[in-house]
Amino acid sequence: MSAQPTASSRPGIGRRLWLWLPEKVDRRVVAAAWATLVVQIGIVGTGGLVRLTGSGLGCPTWPRCTDDSLIATPEMGIHGVIEFTNRALTFVLAIVAIVTFILILRMRRERRDLFWLALLVGLYIPVQAVLGGITVLTKLNPYVVGLHFFASVPLVAIAAALVCRVYAAPGPRERGVPRWYAITAHITSAVVLITVIVGILVTGSGPHAGDSAASRNGLDPEFMQHVHSWPAYATLALTVVLLIGAWRTQAARRLRLWVGLLLAVELLQIAVGLWQARLGLPIVLVNIHMVLAMMLVAAMTAVVMHLKLPAPATIAAAPADAAERARTPG
């Protein structure tokens, strides 16, 4: 008869928590990676709502909401509530980033890619929060506000890369598409970046300043809308080339799916952009357009991440790894 473990022989809470953490990518890690991407895109939507409702100075100082209060007061009205709520969502981002990092911690040696991506997200969030504070302290300077929006681009890209990598086999990778295709994809990503930057300048010249007293960047908004369309249509044309090339070069199925998603986001983004311009930039459409810009960044990142495939040695080891995971409970 086997002896029952005594209280003194049982592992401590810290040890039990460590053993609970996954040694390999499982559903918890996948869910955390997707949650990271969703909240990073979502905060852009709530940040856009702050600007579009004129609530950018709803909390007139930072890091406190007022000189005497950490939170919005009833006297500050709806603008204070909107601005403070957006600030509070930063803690949601931080919690998701911490949970994701902890879930990956035990596999940090085998999955250094996931470890560093999760760490970058966690370290970048405070930088983004500080930039948000600077926008308030500069009374919504249009260029600082634009920088604050642009700072979400690398965060969303890193989060999208994290999602892609949790589905990928660990180990060395090599280019899985022709050289011309990889070059075209990287050119497309550069044009996407230009499109986003010009879009930020367009917004900085338009009517949605975040506050009635906030300054504008002085550019002609109508002319800037035309300038914004040039890289947008160039991105569309390049994406069509990528989609055709993905089928003609017999690229991986996932790459074709992500290029197709990229094209769909672009078409929707262009449709919303044209619609909002014709309707005089209504708040709802402008906010959707901002969120779609981050989805565009995420989809473009996914396309670039799928240009490489596991090296032959990694592919050969995959069946053995899968068999090992099947034998491992949990």
C-alpha atoms as a PDB file:
ATOM      1  CA  MET A   1       0.000   0.000   0.000  1.00  0.00           C
ATOM      2  CA  SER A   2       1.481   3.345  -1.047  1.00  0.00           C
ATOM      3  CA  ALA A   3       2.048   5.928   1.606  1.00  0.00           C
ATOM      4  CA  GLN A   4      -0.128   9.018   1.569  1.00  0.00           C
ATOM      5  CA  PRO A   5       1.773  12.276   1.071  1.00  0.00           C
ATOM      6  CA  THR A   6       2.041  14.300   4.243  1.00  0.00           C
ATOM      7  CA  ALA A   7       1.441  18.023   4.470  1.00  0.00           C
ATOM      8  CA  SER A   8       5.178  18.604   4.807  1.00  0.00           C
ATOM      9  CA  SER A   9       5.919  16.633   1.608  1.00  0.00           C
ATOM     10  CA  ARG A  10       3.435  18.515  -0.566  1.00  0.00           C
ATOM     11  CA  PRO A  11       4.845  21.245  -2.782  1.00  0.00           C
ATOM     12  CA  GLY A  12       4.239  24.816  -1.667  1.00  0.00           C
ATOM     13  CA  ILE A  13       1.826  27.193  -3.327  1.00  0.00           C
ATOM     14  CA  GLY A  14       4.579  28.754  -5.412  1.00  0.00           C
ATOM     15  CA  ARG A  15       5.736  25.358  -6.622  1.00  0.00           C
ATOM     16  CA  ARG A  16       2.167  24.265  -7.454  1.00  0.00           C
ATOM     17  CA  LEU A  17       1.575  27.452  -9.409  1.00  0.00           C
ATOM     18  CA  TRP A  18       4.819  26.919 -11.304  1.00  0.00           C
ATOM     19  CA  LEU A  19       3.825  23.347 -12.183  1.00  0.00           C
ATOM     20  CA  TRP A  20       0.412  24.631 -13.298  1.00  0.00           C
ATOM     21  CA  LEU A  21       2.015  26.881 -15.904  1.00  0.00           C
ATOM     22  CA  PRO A  22       2.165  25.323 -19.390  1.00  0.00           C
ATOM     23  CA  GLU A  23       5.432  23.833 -20.617  1.00  0.00           C
ATOM     24  CA  LYS A  24       4.204  24.047 -24.207  1.00  0.00           C
ATOM     25  CA  VAL A  25       1.710  26.202 -26.057  1.00  0.00           C
ATOM     26  CA  ASP A  26      -1.814  25.216 -25.076  1.00  0.00           C
ATOM     27  CA  ARG A  27      -5.269  26.777 -25.199  1.00  0.00           C
ATOM     28  CA  ARG A  28      -4.446  29.115 -22.327  1.00  0.00           C
ATOM     29  CA  VAL A  29      -1.478  30.588 -24.166  1.00  0.00           C
ATOM     30  CA  VAL A  30      -3.420  30.903 -27.423  1.00  0.00           C
ATOM     31  CA  ALA A  31      -6.301  32.642 -25.633  1.00  0.00           C
ATOM     32  CA  ALA A  32      -3.893  35.017 -23.872  1.00  0.00           C
ATOM     33  CA  ALA A  33      -2.177  35.911 -27.152  1.00  0.00           C
ATOM     34  CA  TRP A  34      -5.496  36.693 -28.818  1.00  0.00           C
ATOM     35  CA  ALA A  35      -6.621  38.689 -25.771  1.00  0.00           C
ATOM     36  CA  THR A  36      -3.424  40.727 -26.040  1.00  0.00           C
ATOM     37  CA  LEU A  37      -4.176  41.602 -29.655  1.00  0.00           C
ATOM     38  CA  VAL A  38      -7.847  42.367 -29.011  1.00  0.00           C
ATOM     39  CA  VAL A  39      -7.211  44.750 -26.111  1.00  0.00           C
ATOM     40  CA  GLN A  40      -4.417  46.540 -27.979  1.00  0.00           C
ATOM     41  CA  ILE A  41      -6.759  47.210 -30.897  1.00  0.00           C
ATOM     42  CA  GLY A  42      -9.662  47.954 -28.561  1.00  0.00           C
ATOM     43  CA  ILE A  43      -7.815  50.674 -26.651  1.00  0.00           C
ATOM     44  CA  VAL A  44      -7.399  52.532 -29.941  1.00  0.00           C
ATOM     45  CA  GLY A  45     -11.186  52.530 -30.294  1.00  0.00           C
ATOM     46  CA  THR A  46     -11.739  53.914 -26.793  1.00  0.00           C
ATOM     47  CA  GLY A  47      -8.934  56.426 -27.264  1.00  0.00           C
ATOM     48  CA  GLY A  48     -10.561  57.535 -30.488  1.00  0.00           C
ATOM     49  CA  LEU A  49     -13.848  57.947 -28.635  1.00  0.00           C
ATOM     50  CA  VAL A  50     -12.103  60.293 -26.193  1.00  0.00           C
ATOM     51  CA  ARG A  51     -10.879  62.450 -29.039  1.00  0.00           C
ATOM     52  CA  LEU A  52     -14.024  62.354 -31.149  1.00  0.00           C
ATOM     53  CA  THR A  53     -16.333  63.328 -28.270  1.00  0.00           C
ATOM     54  CA  GLY A  54     -14.139  66.278 -27.303  1.00  0.00           C
ATOM     55  CA  SER A  55     -13.147  64.600 -24.035  1.00  0.00           C
ATOM     56  CA  GLY A  56      -9.380  64.835 -24.482  1.00  0.00           C
ATOM     57  CA  LEU A  57      -9.110  67.234 -21.554  1.00  0.00           C
ATOM     58  CA  GLY A  58     -11.913  65.644 -19.565  1.00  0.00           C
ATOM     59  CA  CYS A  59      -9.186  64.997 -17.030  1.00  0.00           C
ATOM     60  CA  PRO A  60      -7.168  68.213 -17.344  1.00  0.00           C
ATOM     61  CA  THR A  61      -3.964  66.912 -15.803  1.00  0.00           C
ATOM     62  CA  TRP A  62      -1.920  63.718 -15.511  1.00  0.00           C
ATOM     63  CA  PRO A  63      -1.274  61.260 -13.867  1.00  0.00           C
ATOM     64  CA  ARG A  64      -4.085  62.452 -11.585  1.00  0.00           C
ATOM     65  CA  CYS A  65      -7.433  63.334 -13.137  1.00  0.00           C
ATOM     66  CA  THR A  66      -7.425  66.695 -11.342  1.00  0.00           C
ATOM     67  CA  ASP A  67      -4.977  68.341  -8.979  1.00  0.00           C
ATOM     68  CA  ASP A  68      -7.029  67.008  -6.068  1.00  0.00           C
ATOM     69  CA  SER A  69      -8.444  63.725  -7.363  1.00  0.00           C
ATOM     70  CA  LEU A  70      -7.145  60.555  -8.966  1.00  0.00           C
ATOM     71  CA  ILE A  71     -10.527  59.867 -10.545  1.00  0.00           C
ATOM     72  CA  ALA A  72     -13.120  61.921 -12.395  1.00  0.00           C
ATOM     73  CA  THR A  73     -15.495  63.923 -10.223  1.00  0.00           C
ATOM     74  CA  PRO A  74     -19.227  64.492 -10.857  1.00  0.00           C
ATOM     75  CA  GLU A  75     -18.535  68.138 -11.646  1.00  0.00           C
ATOM     76  CA  MET A  76     -16.451  67.111 -14.659  1.00  0.00           C
ATOM     77  CA  GLY A  77     -19.482  65.630 -16.415  1.00  0.00           C
ATOM     78  CA  ILE A  78     -19.492  63.058 -19.195  1.00  0.00           C
ATOM     79  CA  HIS A  79     -16.172  64.214 -20.657  1.00  0.00           C
ATOM     80  CA  GLY A  80     -14.419  63.422 -17.403  1.00  0.00           C
ATOM     81  CA  VAL A  81     -16.029  59.975 -17.290  1.00  0.00           C
ATOM     82  CA  ILE A  82     -14.987  59.160 -20.871  1.00  0.00           C
ATOM     83  CA  GLU A  83     -11.401  60.313 -20.409  1.00  0.00           C
ATOM     84  CA  PHE A  84     -10.935  58.610 -17.042  1.00  0.00           C
ATOM     85  CA  THR A  85     -12.472  55.359 -18.324  1.00  0.00           C
ATOM     86  CA  ASN A  86      -9.969  55.288 -21.155  1.00  0.00           C
ATOM     87  CA  ARG A  87      -7.129  55.846 -18.677  1.00  0.00           C
ATOM     88  CA  ALA A  88      -8.429  53.042 -16.460  1.00  0.00           C
ATOM     89  CA  LEU A  89      -8.411  50.633 -19.410  1.00  0.00           C
ATOM     90  CA  THR A  90      -4.633  50.865 -19.389  1.00  0.00           C
ATOM     91  CA  PHE A  91      -4.740  48.656 -16.295  1.00  0.00           C
ATOM     92  CA  VAL A  92      -6.716  46.058 -18.268  1.00  0.00           C
ATOM     93  CA  LEU A  93      -3.961  46.067 -20.885  1.00  0.00           C
ATOM     94  CA  ALA A  94      -1.364  45.674 -18.144  1.00  0.00           C
ATOM     95  CA  ILE A  95      -3.222  42.762 -16.529  1.00  0.00           C
ATOM     96  CA  VAL A  96      -3.568  40.935 -19.844  1.00  0.00           C
ATOM     97  CA  ALA A  97       0.128  41.518 -20.597  1.00  0.00           C
ATOM     98  CA  ILE A  98       1.184  40.224 -17.166  1.00  0.00           C
ATOM     99  CA  VAL A  99      -1.001  37.118 -17.419  1.00  0.00           C
ATOM    100  CA  THR A 100       0.329  36.377 -20.911  1.00  0.00           C
ATOM    101  CA  PHE A 101       3.925  36.788 -19.767  1.00  0.00           C
ATOM    102  CA  ILE A 102       3.394  34.526 -16.750  1.00  0.00           C
ATOM    103  CA  LEU A 103       1.802  31.817 -18.900  1.00  0.00           C
ATOM    104  CA  ILE A 104       4.854  31.832 -21.170  1.00  0.00           C
ATOM    105  CA  LEU A 105       7.410  32.034 -18.379  1.00  0.00           C
ATOM    106  CA  ARG A 106       7.890  28.289 -17.863  1.00  0.00           C
ATOM    107  CA  MET A 107       8.567  27.686 -21.569  1.00  0.00           C
ATOM    108  CA  ARG A 108      10.922  30.668 -21.897  1.00  0.00           C
ATOM    109  CA  ARG A 109      13.924  28.538 -22.918  1.00  0.00           C
ATOM    110  CA  GLU A 110      12.110  26.490 -25.552  1.00  0.00           C
ATOM    111  CA  ARG A 111      10.025  29.413 -26.834  1.00  0.00           C
ATOM    112  CA  ARG A 112      12.284  32.424 -26.569  1.00  0.00           C
ATOM    113  CA  ASP A 113      10.322  34.044 -29.391  1.00  0.00           C
ATOM    114  CA  LEU A 114       7.121  34.067 -27.318  1.00  0.00           C
ATOM    115  CA  PHE A 115       9.002  35.174 -24.207  1.00  0.00           C
ATOM    116  CA  TRP A 116      10.503  38.251 -25.863  1.00  0.00           C
ATOM    117  CA  LEU A 117       7.311  39.216 -27.680  1.00  0.00           C
ATOM    118  CA  ALA A 118       5.279  39.030 -24.461  1.00  0.00           C
ATOM    119  CA  LEU A 119       7.972  40.964 -22.593  1.00  0.00           C
ATOM    120  CA  LEU A 120       8.034  43.701 -25.255  1.00  0.00           C
ATOM    121  CA  VAL A 121       4.281  44.168 -24.965  1.00  0.00           C
ATOM    122  CA  GLY A 122       4.522  44.463 -21.193  1.00  0.00           C
ATOM    123  CA  LEU A 123       7.394  46.965 -21.311  1.00  0.00           C
ATOM    124  CA  TYR A 124       5.810  49.067 -24.052  1.00  0.00           C
ATOM    125  CA  ILE A 125       2.463  49.653 -22.283  1.00  0.00           C
ATOM    126  CA  PRO A 126       3.914  52.114 -19.713  1.00  0.00           C
ATOM    127  CA  VAL A 127       5.576  54.038 -22.567  1.00  0.00           C
ATOM    128  CA  GLN A 128       2.206  54.364 -24.278  1.00  0.00           C
ATOM    129  CA  ALA A 129       0.610  55.515 -21.010  1.00  0.00           C
ATOM    130  CA  VAL A 130       3.265  58.197 -20.525  1.00  0.00           C
ATOM    131  CA  LEU A 131       2.716  59.439 -24.075  1.00  0.00           C
ATOM    132  CA  GLY A 132      -0.983  59.705 -23.267  1.00  0.00           C
ATOM    133  CA  GLY A 133      -0.098  61.822 -20.253  1.00  0.00           C
ATOM    134  CA  ILE A 134       2.098  64.082 -22.359  1.00  0.00           C
ATOM    135  CA  THR A 135      -0.797  64.697 -24.766  1.00  0.00           C
ATOM    136  CA  VAL A 136      -2.826  66.045 -21.854  1.00  0.00           C
ATOM    137  CA  LEU A 137       0.039  68.108 -20.430  1.00  0.00           C
ATOM    138  CA  THR A 138       0.620  69.690 -23.870  1.00  0.00           C
ATOM    139  CA  LYS A 139      -3.108  70.521 -24.120  1.00  0.00           C
ATOM    140  CA  LEU A 140      -3.633  68.103 -27.026  1.00  0.00           C
ATOM    141  CA  ASN A 141      -0.872  69.304 -29.291  1.00  0.00           C
ATOM    142  CA  PRO A 142      -1.887  67.686 -32.621  1.00  0.00           C
ATOM    143  CA  TYR A 143       1.561  66.220 -33.257  1.00  0.00           C
ATOM    144  CA  VAL A 144       1.812  64.752 -29.764  1.00  0.00           C
ATOM    145  CA  VAL A 145      -1.701  63.331 -30.116  1.00  0.00           C
ATOM    146  CA  GLY A 146      -0.652  61.833 -33.430  1.00  0.00           C
ATOM    147  CA  LEU A 147       2.453  60.329 -31.835  1.00  0.00           C
ATOM    148  CA  HIS A 148       0.272  58.832 -29.108  1.00  0.00           C
ATOM    149  CA  PHE A 149      -1.903  57.172 -31.758  1.00  0.00           C
ATOM    150  CA  PHE A 150       1.104  56.030 -33.771  1.00  0.00           C
ATOM    151  CA  ALA A 151       2.614  54.449 -30.657  1.00  0.00           C
ATOM    152  CA  SER A 152      -0.149  51.853 -30.861  1.00  0.00           C
ATOM    153  CA  VAL A 153       1.174  50.658 -34.230  1.00  0.00           C
ATOM    154  CA  PRO A 154       4.207  48.764 -32.849  1.00  0.00           C
ATOM    155  CA  LEU A 155       2.134  47.447 -29.947  1.00  0.00           C
ATOM    156  CA  VAL A 156      -0.488  46.008 -32.290  1.00  0.00           C
ATOM    157  CA  ALA A 157       2.229  44.636 -34.584  1.00  0.00           C
ATOM    158  CA  ILE A 158       3.992  42.899 -31.685  1.00  0.00           C
ATOM    159  CA  ALA A 159       0.685  41.485 -30.432  1.00  0.00           C
ATOM    160  CA  ALA A 160      -0.148  40.209 -33.934  1.00  0.00           C
ATOM    161  CA  ALA A 161       3.292  38.609 -34.185  1.00  0.00           C
ATOM    162  CA  LEU A 162       2.662  36.917 -30.842  1.00  0.00           C
ATOM    163  CA  VAL A 163      -0.609  35.454 -32.130  1.00  0.00           C
ATOM    164  CA  CYS A 164       1.126  34.133 -35.243  1.00  0.00           C
ATOM    165  CA  ARG A 165       3.974  32.578 -33.294  1.00  0.00           C
ATOM    166  CA  VAL A 166       1.786  30.665 -30.836  1.00  0.00           C
ATOM    167  CA  TYR A 167       0.514  28.684 -33.826  1.00  0.00           C
ATOM    168  CA  ALA A 168       3.991  28.167 -35.305  1.00  0.00           C
ATOM    169  CA  ALA A 169       6.407  25.348 -34.580  1.00  0.00           C
ATOM    170  CA  PRO A 170       9.427  26.387 -32.510  1.00  0.00           C
ATOM    171  CA  GLY A 171      12.909  26.360 -33.966  1.00  0.00           C
ATOM    172  CA  PRO A 172      14.714  27.752 -37.006  1.00  0.00           C
ATOM    173  CA  ARG A 173      12.711  29.173 -39.884  1.00  0.00           C
ATOM    174  CA  GLU A 174      13.514  29.888 -43.506  1.00  0.00           C
ATOM    175  CA  ARG A 175      11.902  31.829 -46.316  1.00  0.00           C
ATOM    176  CA  GLY A 176       9.012  29.857 -47.787  1.00  0.00           C
ATOM    177  CA  VAL A 177       8.207  32.162 -50.712  1.00  0.00           C
ATOM    178  CA  PRO A 178      10.191  33.430 -53.720  1.00  0.00           C
ATOM    179  CA  ARG A 179      12.503  36.364 -53.052  1.00  0.00           C
ATOM    180  CA  TRP A 180      10.430  38.725 -55.198  1.00  0.00           C
ATOM    181  CA  TYR A 181       7.360  37.888 -53.161  1.00  0.00           C
ATOM    182  CA  ALA A 182       9.091  38.603 -49.855  1.00  0.00           C
ATOM    183  CA  ILE A 183      10.388  41.930 -51.191  1.00  0.00           C
ATOM    184  CA  THR A 184       6.889  42.871 -52.394  1.00  0.00           C
ATOM    185  CA  ALA A 185       5.433  42.015 -48.985  1.00  0.00           C
ATOM    186  CA  HIS A 186       7.972  44.204 -47.190  1.00  0.00           C
ATOM    187  CA  ILE A 187       7.332  47.071 -49.613  1.00  0.00           C
ATOM    188  CA  THR A 188       3.609  46.671 -48.933  1.00  0.00           C
ATOM    189  CA  SER A 189       4.207  46.859 -45.184  1.00  0.00           C
ATOM    190  CA  ALA A 190       6.201  50.076 -45.684  1.00  0.00           C
ATOM    191  CA  VAL A 191       3.358  51.601 -47.721  1.00  0.00           C
ATOM    192  CA  VAL A 192       0.896  50.552 -45.006  1.00  0.00           C
ATOM    193  CA  LEU A 193       3.023  52.445 -42.502  1.00  0.00           C
ATOM    194  CA  ILE A 194       3.028  55.533 -44.747  1.00  0.00           C
ATOM    195  CA  THR A 195      -0.746  55.265 -45.102  1.00  0.00           C
ATOM    196  CA  VAL A 196      -1.202  55.255 -41.334  1.00  0.00           C
ATOM    197  CA  ILE A 197       1.171  58.203 -40.832  1.00  0.00           C
ATOM    198  CA  VAL A 198      -0.572  60.312 -43.481  1.00  0.00           C
ATOM    199  CA  GLY A 199      -3.911  59.347 -41.961  1.00  0.00           C
ATOM    200  CA  ILE A 200      -2.716  60.687 -38.613  1.00  0.00           C
ATOM    201  CA  LEU A 201      -1.794  63.987 -40.281  1.00  0.00           C
ATOM    202  CA  VAL A 202      -5.236  64.114 -41.914  1.00  0.00           C
ATOM    203  CA  THR A 203      -6.922  63.694 -38.534  1.00  0.00           C
ATOM    204  CA  GLY A 204      -4.655  66.362 -37.070  1.00  0.00           C
ATOM    205  CA  SER A 205      -5.908  68.822 -39.665  1.00  0.00           C
ATOM    206  CA  GLY A 206      -9.602  67.970 -39.344  1.00  0.00           C
ATOM    207  CA  PRO A 207     -12.380  68.978 -36.958  1.00  0.00           C
ATOM    208  CA  HIS A 208     -11.880  66.307 -34.286  1.00  0.00           C
ATOM    209  CA  ALA A 209      -9.219  67.879 -32.061  1.00  0.00           C
ATOM    210  CA  GLY A 210     -10.233  66.261 -28.780  1.00  0.00           C
ATOM    211  CA  ASP A 211     -11.228  69.623 -27.287  1.00  0.00           C
ATOM    212  CA  SER A 212     -12.761  72.823 -28.645  1.00  0.00           C
ATOM    213  CA  ALA A 213      -9.700  74.823 -27.597  1.00  0.00           C
ATOM    214  CA  ALA A 214      -7.108  72.382 -28.977  1.00  0.00           C
ATOM    215  CA  SER A 215      -4.961  73.539 -31.887  1.00  0.00           C
ATOM    216  CA  ARG A 216      -4.792  71.934 -35.344  1.00  0.00           C
ATOM    217  CA  ASN A 217      -1.648  71.191 -37.352  1.00  0.00           C
ATOM    218  CA  GLY A 218      -2.486  73.828 -39.974  1.00  0.00           C
ATOM    219  CA  LEU A 219      -2.561  71.501 -42.982  1.00  0.00           C
ATOM    220  CA  ASP A 220      -5.350  71.700 -45.544  1.00  0.00           C
ATOM    221  CA  PRO A 221      -7.701  68.837 -44.554  1.00  0.00           C
ATOM    222  CA  GLU A 222      -9.255  68.450 -48.012  1.00  0.00           C
ATOM    223  CA  PHE A 223      -5.869  68.266 -49.726  1.00  0.00           C
ATOM    224  CA  MET A 224      -4.558  65.876 -47.054  1.00  0.00           C
ATOM    225  CA  GLN A 225      -7.478  63.542 -47.671  1.00  0.00           C
ATOM    226  CA  HIS A 226      -6.364  63.235 -51.293  1.00  0.00           C
ATOM    227  CA  VAL A 227      -2.752  62.667 -50.211  1.00  0.00           C
ATOM    228  CA  HIS A 228      -3.945  59.987 -47.801  1.00  0.00           C
ATOM    229  CA  SER A 229      -5.672  58.133 -50.636  1.00  0.00           C
ATOM    230  CA  TRP A 230      -2.478  57.752 -52.682  1.00  0.00           C
ATOM    231  CA  PRO A 231      -0.625  55.280 -50.401  1.00  0.00           C
ATOM    232  CA  ALA A 232      -3.967  53.644 -49.545  1.00  0.00           C
ATOM    233  CA  TYR A 233      -4.625  52.732 -53.173  1.00  0.00           C
ATOM    234  CA  ALA A 234      -0.965  51.736 -53.625  1.00  0.00           C
ATOM    235  CA  THR A 235      -1.395  49.349 -50.678  1.00  0.00           C
ATOM    236  CA  LEU A 236      -4.494  47.896 -52.317  1.00  0.00           C
ATOM    237  CA  ALA A 237      -2.691  47.329 -55.619  1.00  0.00           C
ATOM    238  CA  LEU A 238       0.288  45.697 -53.922  1.00  0.00           C
ATOM    239  CA  THR A 239      -1.993  43.445 -51.882  1.00  0.00           C
ATOM    240  CA  VAL A 240      -3.720  42.233 -55.054  1.00  0.00           C
ATOM    241  CA  VAL A 241      -0.251  41.316 -56.385  1.00  0.00           C
ATOM    242  CA  LEU A 242       0.455  39.445 -53.144  1.00  0.00           C
ATOM    243  CA  LEU A 243      -2.824  37.551 -53.346  1.00  0.00           C
ATOM    244  CA  ILE A 244      -2.259  36.498 -56.954  1.00  0.00           C
ATOM    245  CA  GLY A 245       1.339  35.585 -56.175  1.00  0.00           C
ATOM    246  CA  ALA A 246       0.305  33.530 -53.145  1.00  0.00           C
ATOM    247  CA  TRP A 247      -1.776  31.273 -55.376  1.00  0.00           C
ATOM    248  CA  ARG A 248       0.633  31.130 -58.306  1.00  0.00           C
ATOM    249  CA  THR A 249       3.648  30.288 -56.117  1.00  0.00           C
ATOM    250  CA  GLN A 250       1.743  27.624 -54.175  1.00  0.00           C
ATOM    251  CA  ALA A 251       2.430  29.455 -50.925  1.00  0.00           C
ATOM    252  CA  ALA A 252       1.322  28.038 -47.600  1.00  0.00           C
ATOM    253  CA  ARG A 253      -2.436  27.989 -47.082  1.00  0.00           C
ATOM    254  CA  ARG A 254      -2.217  30.219 -44.019  1.00  0.00           C
ATOM    255  CA  LEU A 255      -0.336  32.865 -45.990  1.00  0.00           C
ATOM    256  CA  ARG A 256      -3.087  32.930 -48.603  1.00  0.00           C
ATOM    257  CA  LEU A 257      -5.687  33.277 -45.863  1.00  0.00           C
ATOM    258  CA  TRP A 258      -3.894  36.198 -44.230  1.00  0.00           C
ATOM    259  CA  VAL A 259      -3.322  37.995 -47.534  1.00  0.00           C
ATOM    260  CA  GLY A 260      -7.021  37.556 -48.261  1.00  0.00           C
ATOM    261  CA  LEU A 261      -7.856  39.009 -44.848  1.00  0.00           C
ATOM    262  CA  LEU A 262      -5.485  41.911 -45.493  1.00  0.00           C
ATOM    263  CA  LEU A 263      -7.288  42.644 -48.768  1.00  0.00           C
ATOM    264  CA  ALA A 264     -10.684  42.476 -47.048  1.00  0.00           C
ATOM    265  CA  VAL A 265      -9.606  44.934 -44.345  1.00  0.00           C
ATOM    266  CA  GLU A 266      -8.253  47.318 -46.977  1.00  0.00           C
ATOM    267  CA  LEU A 267     -11.466  47.249 -48.997  1.00  0.00           C
ATOM    268  CA  LEU A 268     -13.520  47.896 -45.868  1.00  0.00           C
ATOM    269  CA  GLN A 269     -11.120  50.641 -44.772  1.00  0.00           C
ATOM    270  CA  ILE A 270     -11.357  52.384 -48.160  1.00  0.00           C
ATOM    271  CA  ALA A 271     -15.156  52.106 -48.161  1.00  0.00           C
ATOM    272  CA  VAL A 272     -15.421  53.617 -44.683  1.00  0.00           C
ATOM    273  CA  GLY A 273     -12.908  56.345 -45.597  1.00  0.00           C
ATOM    274  CA  LEU A 274     -14.900  57.389 -48.666  1.00  0.00           C
ATOM    275  CA  TRP A 275     -18.171  57.188 -46.758  1.00  0.00           C
ATOM    276  CA  GLN A 276     -16.973  59.326 -43.847  1.00  0.00           C
ATOM    277  CA  ALA A 277     -15.540  61.954 -46.219  1.00  0.00           C
ATOM    278  CA  ARG A 278     -18.850  62.285 -48.037  1.00  0.00           C
ATOM    279  CA  LEU A 279     -20.849  62.524 -44.788  1.00  0.00           C
ATOM    280  CA  GLY A 280     -18.641  65.174 -43.200  1.00  0.00           C
ATOM    281  CA  LEU A 281     -16.600  62.932 -40.878  1.00  0.00           C
ATOM    282  CA  PRO A 282     -19.271  61.611 -38.472  1.00  0.00           C
ATOM    283  CA  ILE A 283     -17.865  60.371 -35.161  1.00  0.00           C
ATOM    284  CA  VAL A 284     -18.924  56.729 -35.545  1.00  0.00           C
ATOM    285  CA  LEU A 285     -17.342  56.282 -38.971  1.00  0.00           C
ATOM    286  CA  VAL A 286     -14.137  58.066 -37.993  1.00  0.00           C
ATOM    287  CA  ASN A 287     -13.775  55.796 -34.956  1.00  0.00           C
ATOM    288  CA  ILE A 288     -14.365  52.696 -37.090  1.00  0.00           C
ATOM    289  CA  HIS A 289     -11.762  53.993 -39.541  1.00  0.00           C
ATOM    290  CA  MET A 290      -9.219  54.339 -36.699  1.00  0.00           C
ATOM    291  CA  VAL A 291      -9.843  50.798 -35.463  1.00  0.00           C
ATOM    292  CA  LEU A 292      -9.602  49.441 -38.993  1.00  0.00           C
ATOM    293  CA  ALA A 293      -6.193  51.115 -39.302  1.00  0.00           C
ATOM    294  CA  MET A 294      -4.959  48.953 -36.418  1.00  0.00           C
ATOM    295  CA  MET A 295      -6.560  45.866 -37.927  1.00  0.00           C
ATOM    296  CA  LEU A 296      -4.714  46.708 -41.137  1.00  0.00           C
ATOM    297  CA  VAL A 297      -1.430  46.794 -39.211  1.00  0.00           C
ATOM    298  CA  ALA A 298      -2.235  43.457 -37.551  1.00  0.00           C
ATOM    299  CA  ALA A 299      -3.143  41.760 -40.848  1.00  0.00           C
ATOM    300  CA  MET A 300      -0.032  43.128 -42.572  1.00  0.00           C
ATOM    301  CA  THR A 301       2.119  41.857 -39.693  1.00  0.00           C
ATOM    302  CA  ALA A 302       0.535  38.417 -40.021  1.00  0.00           C
ATOM    303  CA  VAL A 303       1.356  38.327 -43.729  1.00  0.00           C
ATOM    304  CA  VAL A 304       5.008  39.175 -43.056  1.00  0.00           C
ATOM    305  CA  MET A 305       5.182  36.590 -40.256  1.00  0.00           C
ATOM    306  CA  HIS A 306       4.016  33.886 -42.662  1.00  0.00           C
ATOM    307  CA  LEU A 307       6.706  34.560 -45.247  1.00  0.00           C
ATOM    308  CA  LYS A 308       8.926  32.103 -43.381  1.00  0.00           C
ATOM    309  CA  LEU A 309       8.246  28.440 -42.660  1.00  0.00           C
ATOM    310  CA  PRO A 310       9.858  26.022 -40.203  1.00  0.00           C
ATOM    311  CA  ALA A 311      13.186  24.686 -41.442  1.00  0.00           C
ATOM    312  CA  PRO A 312      13.195  21.041 -42.671  1.00  0.00           C
ATOM    313  CA  ALA A 313      14.778  19.841 -39.435  1.00  0.00           C
ATOM    314  CA  THR A 314      11.997  21.502 -37.444  1.00  0.00           C
ATOM    315  CA  ILE A 315       9.326  19.920 -39.640  1.00  0.00           C
ATOM    316  CA  ALA A 316      10.873  16.480 -39.161  1.00  0.00           C
ATOM    317  CA  ALA A 317      10.835  16.931 -35.388  1.00  0.00           C
ATOM    318  CA  ALA A 318       7.202  18.106 -35.312  1.00  0.00           C
ATOM    319  CA  PRO A 319       5.539  14.622 -35.397  1.00  0.00           C
ATOM    320  CA  ALA A 320       7.638  13.440 -32.453  1.00  0.00           C
ATOM    321  CA  ASP A 321       6.802  16.596 -30.545  1.00  0.00           C
ATOM    322  CA  ALA A 322       3.102  16.153 -31.255  1.00  0.00           C
ATOM    323  CA  ALA A 323       3.244  12.538 -30.051  1.00  0.00           C
ATOM    324  CA  GLU A 324       4.933  13.648 -26.839  1.00  0.00           C
ATOM    325  CA  ARG A 325       2.236  16.244 -26.202  1.00  0.00           C
ATOM    326  CA  ALA A 326      -0.462  13.645 -26.822  1.00  0.00           C
ATOM    327  CA  ARG A 327       1.074  11.417 -24.118  1.00  0.00           C
ATOM    328  CA  THR A 328       1.334  14.295 -21.662  1.00  0.00           C
ATOM    329  CA  PRO A 329      -1.874  14.802 -19.635  1.00  0.00           C
ATOM    330  CA  GLY A 330      -3.352  18.321 -19.549  1.00  0.00           C
END
